[in-house]
C-alpha atoms as a PDB file:
ATOM      1  CA  MET A   1     -25.401 -28.146 -58.490  1.00  0.00           C
ATOM      2  CA  ILE A   2     -29.210 -28.201 -58.808  1.00  0.00           C
ATOM      3  CA  HIS A   3     -31.598 -25.377 -57.959  1.00  0.00           C
ATOM      4  CA  LEU A   4     -35.365 -25.707 -58.398  1.00  0.00           C
ATOM      5  CA  SER A   5     -36.875 -22.356 -57.442  1.00  0.00           C
ATOM      6  CA  HIS A   6     -40.596 -21.674 -56.971  1.00  0.00           C
ATOM      7  CA  ILE A   7     -41.558 -24.521 -59.280  1.00  0.00           C
ATOM      8  CA  HIS A   8     -45.169 -24.754 -60.439  1.00  0.00           C
ATOM      9  CA  PHE A   9     -46.246 -27.407 -62.925  1.00  0.00           C
ATOM     10  CA  ILE A  10     -49.777 -27.297 -64.284  1.00  0.00           C
ATOM     11  CA  ARG A  11     -51.377 -29.698 -66.757  1.00  0.00           C
ATOM     12  CA  GLY A  12     -54.950 -28.880 -67.687  1.00  0.00           C
ATOM     13  CA  GLU A  13     -56.770 -28.279 -64.420  1.00  0.00           C
ATOM     14  CA  ARG A  14     -54.275 -30.253 -62.345  1.00  0.00           C
ATOM     15  CA  HIS A  15     -51.645 -28.428 -60.289  1.00  0.00           C
ATOM     16  CA  ILE A  16     -48.994 -31.196 -60.170  1.00  0.00           C
ATOM     17  CA  LEU A  17     -46.305 -29.105 -58.401  1.00  0.00           C
ATOM     18  CA  ASN A  18     -47.063 -26.079 -56.274  1.00  0.00           C
ATOM     19  CA  ASP A  19     -44.234 -23.662 -55.370  1.00  0.00           C
ATOM     20  CA  VAL A  20     -41.561 -26.327 -54.796  1.00  0.00           C
ATOM     21  CA  ASN A  21     -38.047 -25.230 -53.824  1.00  0.00           C
ATOM     22  CA  VAL A  22     -35.151 -27.715 -53.726  1.00  0.00           C
ATOM     23  CA  HIS A  23     -31.511 -26.621 -53.640  1.00  0.00           C
ATOM     24  CA  ILE A  24     -28.809 -29.295 -53.907  1.00  0.00           C
ATOM     25  CA  ALA A  25     -25.233 -28.227 -53.154  1.00  0.00           C
ATOM     26  CA  PRO A  26     -21.977 -29.991 -54.126  1.00  0.00           C
ATOM     27  CA  GLY A  27     -21.203 -32.858 -51.773  1.00  0.00           C
ATOM     28  CA  GLU A  28     -24.864 -33.492 -50.948  1.00  0.00           C
ATOM     29  CA  HIS A  29     -26.851 -36.596 -51.907  1.00  0.00           C
ATOM     30  CA  TRP A  30     -30.634 -36.281 -51.872  1.00  0.00           C
ATOM     31  CA  VAL A  31     -33.663 -38.540 -51.633  1.00  0.00           C
ATOM     32  CA  LEU A  32     -37.025 -37.348 -52.937  1.00  0.00           C
ATOM     33  CA  LEU A  33     -39.531 -39.198 -50.776  1.00  0.00           C
ATOM     34  CA  GLY A  34     -43.287 -39.436 -51.170  1.00  0.00           C
ATOM     35  CA  ARG A  35     -46.259 -41.500 -52.216  1.00  0.00           C
ATOM     36  CA  ASN A  36     -46.973 -42.547 -55.794  1.00  0.00           C
ATOM     37  CA  GLY A  37     -48.295 -39.583 -57.755  1.00  0.00           C
ATOM     38  CA  SER A  38     -46.881 -36.992 -55.364  1.00  0.00           C
ATOM     39  CA  GLY A  39     -44.784 -35.272 -58.066  1.00  0.00           C
ATOM     40  CA  LYS A  40     -41.365 -36.842 -57.442  1.00  0.00           C
ATOM     41  CA  THR A  41     -40.767 -38.121 -60.964  1.00  0.00           C
ATOM     42  CA  THR A  42     -41.919 -34.805 -62.450  1.00  0.00           C
ATOM     43  CA  LEU A  43     -39.141 -33.080 -60.498  1.00  0.00           C
ATOM     44  CA  LEU A  44     -36.619 -35.558 -61.908  1.00  0.00           C
ATOM     45  CA  GLU A  45     -37.876 -34.898 -65.425  1.00  0.00           C
ATOM     46  CA  MET A  46     -37.274 -31.188 -64.826  1.00  0.00           C
ATOM     47  CA  MET A  47     -33.737 -31.811 -63.571  1.00  0.00           C
ATOM     48  CA  ASN A  48     -33.080 -33.688 -66.813  1.00  0.00           C
ATOM     49  CA  GLY A  49     -34.716 -31.045 -68.973  1.00  0.00           C
ATOM     50  CA  TYR A  50     -37.427 -33.398 -70.238  1.00  0.00           C
ATOM     51  CA  GLU A  51     -40.148 -31.255 -68.652  1.00  0.00           C
ATOM     52  CA  PHE A  52     -40.203 -27.512 -67.997  1.00  0.00           C
ATOM     53  CA  PRO A  53     -42.084 -25.704 -65.232  1.00  0.00           C
ATOM     54  CA  SER A  54     -45.174 -23.640 -65.841  1.00  0.00           C
ATOM     55  CA  ARG A  55     -43.582 -21.107 -63.481  1.00  0.00           C
ATOM     56  CA  GLY A  56     -40.252 -21.011 -61.696  1.00  0.00           C
ATOM     57  CA  THR A  57     -36.641 -21.650 -62.693  1.00  0.00           C
ATOM     58  CA  VAL A  58     -34.438 -24.732 -63.032  1.00  0.00           C
ATOM     59  CA  ASP A  59     -30.656 -24.340 -62.783  1.00  0.00           C
ATOM     60  CA  VAL A  60     -28.405 -27.383 -63.210  1.00  0.00           C
ATOM     61  CA  LEU A  61     -24.590 -27.290 -63.123  1.00  0.00           C
ATOM     62  CA  GLY A  62     -24.641 -23.519 -63.573  1.00  0.00           C
ATOM     63  CA  ASN A  63     -27.015 -23.630 -66.547  1.00  0.00           C
ATOM     64  CA  ARG A  64     -30.532 -22.194 -66.526  1.00  0.00           C
ATOM     65  CA  TYR A  65     -32.927 -24.307 -68.531  1.00  0.00           C
ATOM     66  CA  GLY A  66     -34.569 -22.274 -71.256  1.00  0.00           C
ATOM     67  CA  GLN A  67     -31.375 -20.261 -71.710  1.00  0.00           C
ATOM     68  CA  CYS A  68     -28.920 -23.072 -72.576  1.00  0.00           C
ATOM     69  CA  ASP A  69     -28.542 -26.170 -74.734  1.00  0.00           C
ATOM     70  CA  VAL A  70     -30.164 -28.783 -72.489  1.00  0.00           C
ATOM     71  CA  ARG A  71     -28.653 -31.583 -74.581  1.00  0.00           C
ATOM     72  CA  GLU A  72     -25.167 -30.478 -73.531  1.00  0.00           C
ATOM     73  CA  VAL A  73     -26.151 -30.428 -69.847  1.00  0.00           C
ATOM     74  CA  ARG A  74     -27.599 -33.947 -70.120  1.00  0.00           C
ATOM     75  CA  LYS A  75     -24.165 -35.245 -71.127  1.00  0.00           C
ATOM     76  CA  LYS A  76     -23.146 -34.650 -67.506  1.00  0.00           C
ATOM     77  CA  ILE A  77     -26.216 -36.348 -66.006  1.00  0.00           C
ATOM     78  CA  GLY A  78     -26.606 -40.080 -65.541  1.00  0.00           C
ATOM     79  CA  TYR A  79     -30.220 -41.236 -65.460  1.00  0.00           C
ATOM     80  CA  ILE A  80     -31.698 -44.560 -64.343  1.00  0.00           C
ATOM     81  CA  SER A  81     -35.406 -45.232 -64.815  1.00  0.00           C
ATOM     82  CA  GLN A  82     -37.682 -48.093 -65.779  1.00  0.00           C
ATOM     83  CA  SER A  83     -38.804 -46.194 -68.871  1.00  0.00           C
ATOM     84  CA  LEU A  84     -35.183 -46.008 -70.060  1.00  0.00           C
ATOM     85  CA  PHE A  85     -34.615 -49.708 -69.430  1.00  0.00           C
ATOM     86  CA  GLU A  86     -37.693 -50.579 -71.491  1.00  0.00           C
ATOM     87  CA  LYS A  87     -36.039 -48.959 -74.521  1.00  0.00           C
ATOM     88  CA  MET A  88     -33.079 -51.358 -74.326  1.00  0.00           C
ATOM     89  CA  ASN A  89     -32.833 -54.449 -76.530  1.00  0.00           C
ATOM     90  CA  LEU A  90     -33.060 -57.545 -74.317  1.00  0.00           C
ATOM     91  CA  ASN A  91     -31.056 -59.575 -76.833  1.00  0.00           C
ATOM     92  CA  ASP A  92     -27.975 -57.338 -76.620  1.00  0.00           C
ATOM     93  CA  PRO A  93     -25.050 -58.594 -74.501  1.00  0.00           C
ATOM     94  CA  VAL A  94     -24.621 -56.885 -71.142  1.00  0.00           C
ATOM     95  CA  GLN A  95     -21.190 -55.429 -71.930  1.00  0.00           C
ATOM     96  CA  GLU A  96     -22.585 -53.791 -75.054  1.00  0.00           C
ATOM     97  CA  VAL A  97     -25.570 -52.360 -73.162  1.00  0.00           C
ATOM     98  CA  VAL A  98     -23.195 -50.804 -70.624  1.00  0.00           C
ATOM     99  CA  ALA A  99     -20.971 -49.447 -73.413  1.00  0.00           C
ATOM    100  CA  THR A 100     -23.916 -47.524 -74.924  1.00  0.00           C
ATOM    101  CA  GLY A 101     -23.749 -45.253 -71.896  1.00  0.00           C
ATOM    102  CA  GLU A 102     -20.521 -43.752 -73.249  1.00  0.00           C
ATOM    103  CA  TYR A 103     -22.492 -42.036 -76.003  1.00  0.00           C
ATOM    104  CA  ALA A 104     -26.044 -42.111 -74.570  1.00  0.00           C
ATOM    105  CA  PHE A 105     -27.030 -44.505 -77.370  1.00  0.00           C
ATOM    106  CA  LEU A 106     -29.766 -47.099 -76.963  1.00  0.00           C
ATOM    107  CA  ARG A 107     -27.756 -49.639 -78.965  1.00  0.00           C
ATOM    108  CA  PHE A 108     -24.791 -49.858 -81.331  1.00  0.00           C
ATOM    109  CA  TYR A 109     -25.080 -50.246 -85.095  1.00  0.00           C
ATOM    110  CA  GLN A 110     -21.340 -50.174 -85.731  1.00  0.00           C
ATOM    111  CA  GLU A 111     -18.169 -51.631 -84.259  1.00  0.00           C
ATOM    112  CA  ILE A 112     -17.623 -50.647 -80.628  1.00  0.00           C
ATOM    113  CA  PRO A 113     -14.168 -49.153 -79.944  1.00  0.00           C
ATOM    114  CA  GLN A 114     -12.056 -51.516 -77.849  1.00  0.00           C
ATOM    115  CA  GLU A 115     -11.318 -48.851 -75.238  1.00  0.00           C
ATOM    116  CA  VAL A 116     -15.074 -48.398 -74.710  1.00  0.00           C
ATOM    117  CA  LYS A 117     -15.543 -52.165 -74.329  1.00  0.00           C
ATOM    118  CA  ASP A 118     -12.734 -52.219 -71.780  1.00  0.00           C
ATOM    119  CA  ARG A 119     -14.296 -49.381 -69.762  1.00  0.00           C
ATOM    120  CA  ALA A 120     -17.654 -51.133 -69.832  1.00  0.00           C
ATOM    121  CA  LEU A 121     -16.037 -54.199 -68.284  1.00  0.00           C
ATOM    122  CA  VAL A 122     -14.466 -52.021 -65.574  1.00  0.00           C
ATOM    123  CA  MET A 123     -17.914 -50.612 -64.783  1.00  0.00           C
ATOM    124  CA  LEU A 124     -19.333 -54.131 -64.548  1.00  0.00           C
ATOM    125  CA  GLU A 125     -16.531 -55.050 -62.146  1.00  0.00           C
ATOM    126  CA  GLN A 126     -17.416 -51.995 -60.080  1.00  0.00           C
ATOM    127  CA  VAL A 127     -20.966 -53.288 -59.574  1.00  0.00           C
ATOM    128  CA  ARG A 128     -19.693 -56.854 -59.046  1.00  0.00           C
ATOM    129  CA  ILE A 129     -21.122 -58.560 -62.154  1.00  0.00           C
ATOM    130  CA  PRO A 130     -18.239 -58.831 -64.676  1.00  0.00           C
ATOM    131  CA  HIS A 131     -19.098 -62.536 -65.143  1.00  0.00           C
ATOM    132  CA  LEU A 132     -22.331 -61.474 -66.890  1.00  0.00           C
ATOM    133  CA  ALA A 133     -20.604 -59.394 -69.575  1.00  0.00           C
ATOM    134  CA  ASN A 134     -21.497 -61.705 -72.459  1.00  0.00           C
ATOM    135  CA  GLN A 135     -24.986 -62.686 -71.285  1.00  0.00           C
ATOM    136  CA  PRO A 136     -28.069 -61.289 -73.065  1.00  0.00           C
ATOM    137  CA  LEU A 137     -29.666 -58.502 -71.046  1.00  0.00           C
ATOM    138  CA  GLY A 138     -32.984 -60.357 -71.048  1.00  0.00           C
ATOM    139  CA  SER A 139     -31.483 -63.394 -69.287  1.00  0.00           C
ATOM    140  CA  LEU A 140     -30.633 -61.428 -66.134  1.00  0.00           C
ATOM    141  CA  SER A 141     -32.582 -61.201 -62.887  1.00  0.00           C
ATOM    142  CA  GLN A 142     -34.268 -57.933 -61.919  1.00  0.00           C
ATOM    143  CA  GLY A 143     -31.461 -57.082 -59.522  1.00  0.00           C
ATOM    144  CA  GLU A 144     -28.784 -57.788 -62.114  1.00  0.00           C
ATOM    145  CA  ARG A 145     -30.583 -55.606 -64.647  1.00  0.00           C
ATOM    146  CA  LYS A 146     -30.561 -52.723 -62.155  1.00  0.00           C
ATOM    147  CA  LYS A 147     -26.819 -53.161 -61.705  1.00  0.00           C
ATOM    148  CA  VAL A 148     -26.340 -53.089 -65.488  1.00  0.00           C
ATOM    149  CA  MET A 149     -28.225 -49.783 -65.700  1.00  0.00           C
ATOM    150  CA  LEU A 150     -26.129 -48.388 -62.855  1.00  0.00           C
ATOM    151  CA  ALA A 151     -22.915 -49.424 -64.626  1.00  0.00           C
ATOM    152  CA  ARG A 152     -24.227 -47.921 -67.879  1.00  0.00           C
ATOM    153  CA  SER A 153     -24.999 -44.591 -66.208  1.00  0.00           C
ATOM    154  CA  LEU A 154     -21.449 -44.385 -64.836  1.00  0.00           C
ATOM    155  CA  MET A 155     -19.818 -44.824 -68.275  1.00  0.00           C
ATOM    156  CA  MET A 156     -20.031 -41.100 -69.065  1.00  0.00           C
ATOM    157  CA  LYS A 157     -18.472 -40.115 -65.706  1.00  0.00           C
ATOM    158  CA  PRO A 158     -21.497 -37.974 -64.799  1.00  0.00           C
ATOM    159  CA  SER A 159     -21.438 -35.072 -62.378  1.00  0.00           C
ATOM    160  CA  ILE A 160     -25.003 -35.925 -61.339  1.00  0.00           C
ATOM    161  CA  LEU A 161     -26.669 -39.340 -61.124  1.00  0.00           C
ATOM    162  CA  ILE A 162     -30.479 -39.353 -60.998  1.00  0.00           C
ATOM    163  CA  MET A 163     -32.309 -42.558 -60.092  1.00  0.00           C
ATOM    164  CA  ASP A 164     -36.085 -42.970 -60.321  1.00  0.00           C
ATOM    165  CA  GLU A 165     -37.208 -45.776 -57.974  1.00  0.00           C
ATOM    166  CA  PRO A 166     -34.301 -48.017 -59.023  1.00  0.00           C
ATOM    167  CA  ALA A 167     -35.024 -50.682 -56.385  1.00  0.00           C
ATOM    168  CA  ALA A 168     -38.662 -51.145 -57.426  1.00  0.00           C
ATOM    169  CA  GLY A 169     -39.536 -54.801 -57.962  1.00  0.00           C
ATOM    170  CA  LEU A 170     -36.491 -56.190 -56.157  1.00  0.00           C
ATOM    171  CA  ASP A 171     -36.718 -58.735 -53.360  1.00  0.00           C
ATOM    172  CA  LEU A 172     -34.952 -58.048 -50.070  1.00  0.00           C
ATOM    173  CA  TYR A 173     -31.752 -59.845 -51.088  1.00  0.00           C
ATOM    174  CA  GLU A 174     -31.397 -58.100 -54.456  1.00  0.00           C
ATOM    175  CA  ARG A 175     -32.442 -54.730 -53.062  1.00  0.00           C
ATOM    176  CA  GLU A 176     -29.759 -54.775 -50.375  1.00  0.00           C
ATOM    177  CA  ARG A 177     -27.087 -55.865 -52.863  1.00  0.00           C
ATOM    178  CA  PHE A 178     -28.113 -53.067 -55.212  1.00  0.00           C
ATOM    179  CA  LEU A 179     -28.183 -50.479 -52.406  1.00  0.00           C
ATOM    180  CA  ARG A 180     -24.662 -51.550 -51.410  1.00  0.00           C
ATOM    181  CA  ASP A 181     -23.467 -50.604 -54.889  1.00  0.00           C
ATOM    182  CA  VAL A 182     -25.319 -47.287 -54.691  1.00  0.00           C
ATOM    183  CA  ASN A 183     -23.752 -46.587 -51.297  1.00  0.00           C
ATOM    184  CA  ASP A 184     -20.297 -47.122 -52.818  1.00  0.00           C
ATOM    185  CA  LEU A 185     -20.894 -44.034 -54.964  1.00  0.00           C
ATOM    186  CA  SER A 186     -19.779 -42.031 -51.916  1.00  0.00           C
ATOM    187  CA  LYS A 187     -16.229 -42.837 -53.119  1.00  0.00           C
ATOM    188  CA  GLN A 188     -16.826 -40.951 -56.364  1.00  0.00           C
ATOM    189  CA  ASN A 189     -17.299 -37.269 -57.132  1.00  0.00           C
ATOM    190  CA  ILE A 190     -20.968 -37.616 -58.101  1.00  0.00           C
ATOM    191  CA  THR A 191     -24.065 -35.919 -56.727  1.00  0.00           C
ATOM    192  CA  VAL A 192     -26.821 -38.528 -56.341  1.00  0.00           C
ATOM    193  CA  VAL A 193     -30.560 -37.788 -56.488  1.00  0.00           C
ATOM    194  CA  TYR A 194     -32.744 -40.797 -55.660  1.00  0.00           C
ATOM    195  CA  VAL A 195     -36.530 -41.102 -55.802  1.00  0.00           C
ATOM    196  CA  THR A 196     -38.382 -43.619 -53.658  1.00  0.00           C
ATOM    197  CA  HIS A 197     -41.453 -44.140 -51.515  1.00  0.00           C
ATOM    198  CA  HIS A 198     -39.649 -46.632 -49.263  1.00  0.00           C
ATOM    199  CA  ILE A 199     -37.982 -45.024 -46.244  1.00  0.00           C
ATOM    200  CA  GLU A 200     -35.708 -48.028 -45.622  1.00  0.00           C
ATOM    201  CA  GLU A 201     -33.905 -47.284 -48.903  1.00  0.00           C
ATOM    202  CA  ILE A 202     -32.385 -44.149 -47.359  1.00  0.00           C
ATOM    203  CA  ILE A 203     -28.874 -45.564 -46.929  1.00  0.00           C
ATOM    204  CA  PRO A 204     -25.870 -43.817 -45.293  1.00  0.00           C
ATOM    205  CA  LEU A 205     -24.820 -42.252 -48.626  1.00  0.00           C
ATOM    206  CA  PHE A 206     -27.765 -39.866 -48.516  1.00  0.00           C
ATOM    207  CA  THR A 207     -27.327 -36.631 -46.622  1.00  0.00           C
ATOM    208  CA  HIS A 208     -30.597 -34.817 -47.365  1.00  0.00           C
ATOM    209  CA  VAL A 209     -34.259 -35.630 -47.926  1.00  0.00           C
ATOM    210  CA  ALA A 210     -37.145 -33.746 -49.517  1.00  0.00           C
ATOM    211  CA  ILE A 211     -40.625 -35.041 -48.636  1.00  0.00           C
ATOM    212  CA  ILE A 212     -43.308 -34.302 -51.215  1.00  0.00           C
ATOM    213  CA  GLU A 213     -47.046 -34.864 -51.032  1.00  0.00           C
ATOM    214  CA  GLN A 214     -49.663 -33.887 -53.614  1.00  0.00           C
ATOM    215  CA  GLY A 215     -47.212 -31.581 -55.349  1.00  0.00           C
ATOM    216  CA  GLU A 216     -46.199 -29.642 -52.253  1.00  0.00           C
ATOM    217  CA  LEU A 217     -42.973 -29.766 -50.290  1.00  0.00           C
ATOM    218  CA  ILE A 218     -43.576 -30.862 -46.699  1.00  0.00           C
ATOM    219  CA  ALA A 219     -39.936 -30.521 -45.637  1.00  0.00           C
ATOM    220  CA  ALA A 220     -36.442 -30.469 -47.144  1.00  0.00           C
ATOM    221  CA  GLY A 221     -33.012 -30.529 -45.555  1.00  0.00           C
ATOM    222  CA  PRO A 222     -30.614 -32.806 -43.629  1.00  0.00           C
ATOM    223  CA  LYS A 223     -32.177 -36.243 -43.306  1.00  0.00           C
ATOM    224  CA  GLU A 224     -32.114 -36.376 -39.492  1.00  0.00           C
ATOM    225  CA  GLU A 225     -34.091 -33.124 -39.344  1.00  0.00           C
ATOM    226  CA  VAL A 226     -36.599 -33.971 -42.081  1.00  0.00           C
ATOM    227  CA  LEU A 227     -37.328 -37.607 -41.258  1.00  0.00           C
ATOM    228  CA  THR A 228     -39.577 -37.169 -38.249  1.00  0.00           C
ATOM    229  CA  PRO A 229     -42.737 -39.161 -37.414  1.00  0.00           C
ATOM    230  CA  GLU A 230     -44.743 -35.973 -37.903  1.00  0.00           C
ATOM    231  CA  ASN A 231     -43.443 -35.285 -41.420  1.00  0.00           C
ATOM    232  CA  ILE A 232     -43.785 -38.916 -42.470  1.00  0.00           C
ATOM    233  CA  GLN A 233     -47.366 -39.020 -41.219  1.00  0.00           C
ATOM    234  CA  LYS A 234     -48.155 -35.892 -43.248  1.00  0.00           C
ATOM    235  CA  ALA A 235     -46.811 -37.533 -46.391  1.00  0.00           C
ATOM    236  CA  PHE A 236     -48.130 -41.078 -45.993  1.00  0.00           C
ATOM    237  CA  ASP A 237     -51.114 -40.579 -43.671  1.00  0.00           C
ATOM    238  CA  VAL A 238     -49.837 -43.368 -41.433  1.00  0.00           C
ATOM    239  CA  GLN A 239     -48.829 -43.021 -37.789  1.00  0.00           C
ATOM    240  CA  ILE A 240     -45.359 -44.416 -37.210  1.00  0.00           C
ATOM    241  CA  SER A 241     -42.437 -44.531 -34.827  1.00  0.00           C
ATOM    242  CA  LEU A 242     -38.952 -44.106 -36.249  1.00  0.00           C
ATOM    243  CA  GLU A 243     -35.572 -45.445 -35.197  1.00  0.00           C
ATOM    244  CA  TRP A 244     -32.096 -44.958 -36.654  1.00  0.00           C
ATOM    245  CA  TYR A 245     -29.775 -47.950 -36.999  1.00  0.00           C
ATOM    246  CA  GLN A 246     -26.406 -47.852 -38.774  1.00  0.00           C
ATOM    247  CA  ASP A 247     -27.318 -44.436 -40.208  1.00  0.00           C
ATOM    248  CA  ARG A 248     -30.514 -45.765 -41.818  1.00  0.00           C
ATOM    249  CA  PRO A 249     -34.081 -44.912 -40.743  1.00  0.00           C
ATOM    250  CA  TRP A 250     -36.455 -47.743 -39.872  1.00  0.00           C
ATOM    251  CA  ILE A 251     -40.140 -47.347 -39.110  1.00  0.00           C
ATOM    252  CA  LYS A 252     -42.823 -49.208 -37.197  1.00  0.00           C
ATOM    253  CA  VAL A 253     -46.469 -48.625 -37.973  1.00  0.00           C
ATOM    254  CA  ILE A 254     -48.563 -47.740 -34.921  1.00  0.00           C
ATOM    255  CA  GLU A 255     -52.020 -49.296 -35.100  1.00  0.00           C
END
């Protein structure tokens, strides 16, 4: 599905990524875990073809970037990020915002086909907010906005769904409701890649974790093997103990 091989990314004198290798197979769902500024979002930008490595190769869905039409590959990738949300018009009704995902538009300037409107409503039902269909996007809570972006990303029936810190800014109640919707993606044929720096967001859906720190890969593989106190301490410079409960990792900081 996704192969990042010997990735180096250099900007000026800064080596942002240093020989990173991540290989995501069909049926796997990955979390990229690390501190702010560790290089996680840069890897997502490469998966989407918005950035290209200084050295190394990026292969997505059988296409090697630099040797294909990246725009065609992006049609099979759903993407959720704060930067994308900020391009949306807060005055547009929620159903219309979701419908733009069918064509990767930011907004409509013509009549929306009825079948697209109907599918948008189905997507809103899937994330449990159909009652907000006619509300302006700007009137929604942070958690509801995240659900709208999730519904929008599913409109195109993507093969890959990439999420860049989608639970950022949510309180505990809204975060857990949003993560429940993300976990339900296990029922669909989608490969999920999720960036976070919060270990408790690693829900049962996720099968693999890559831990990144200062542009280098500390560990990558099945989550039970990668999420060890030693690896987490390397990434976050904090001594912790770790417990698993209901297939989610929980940590305690050791003073």
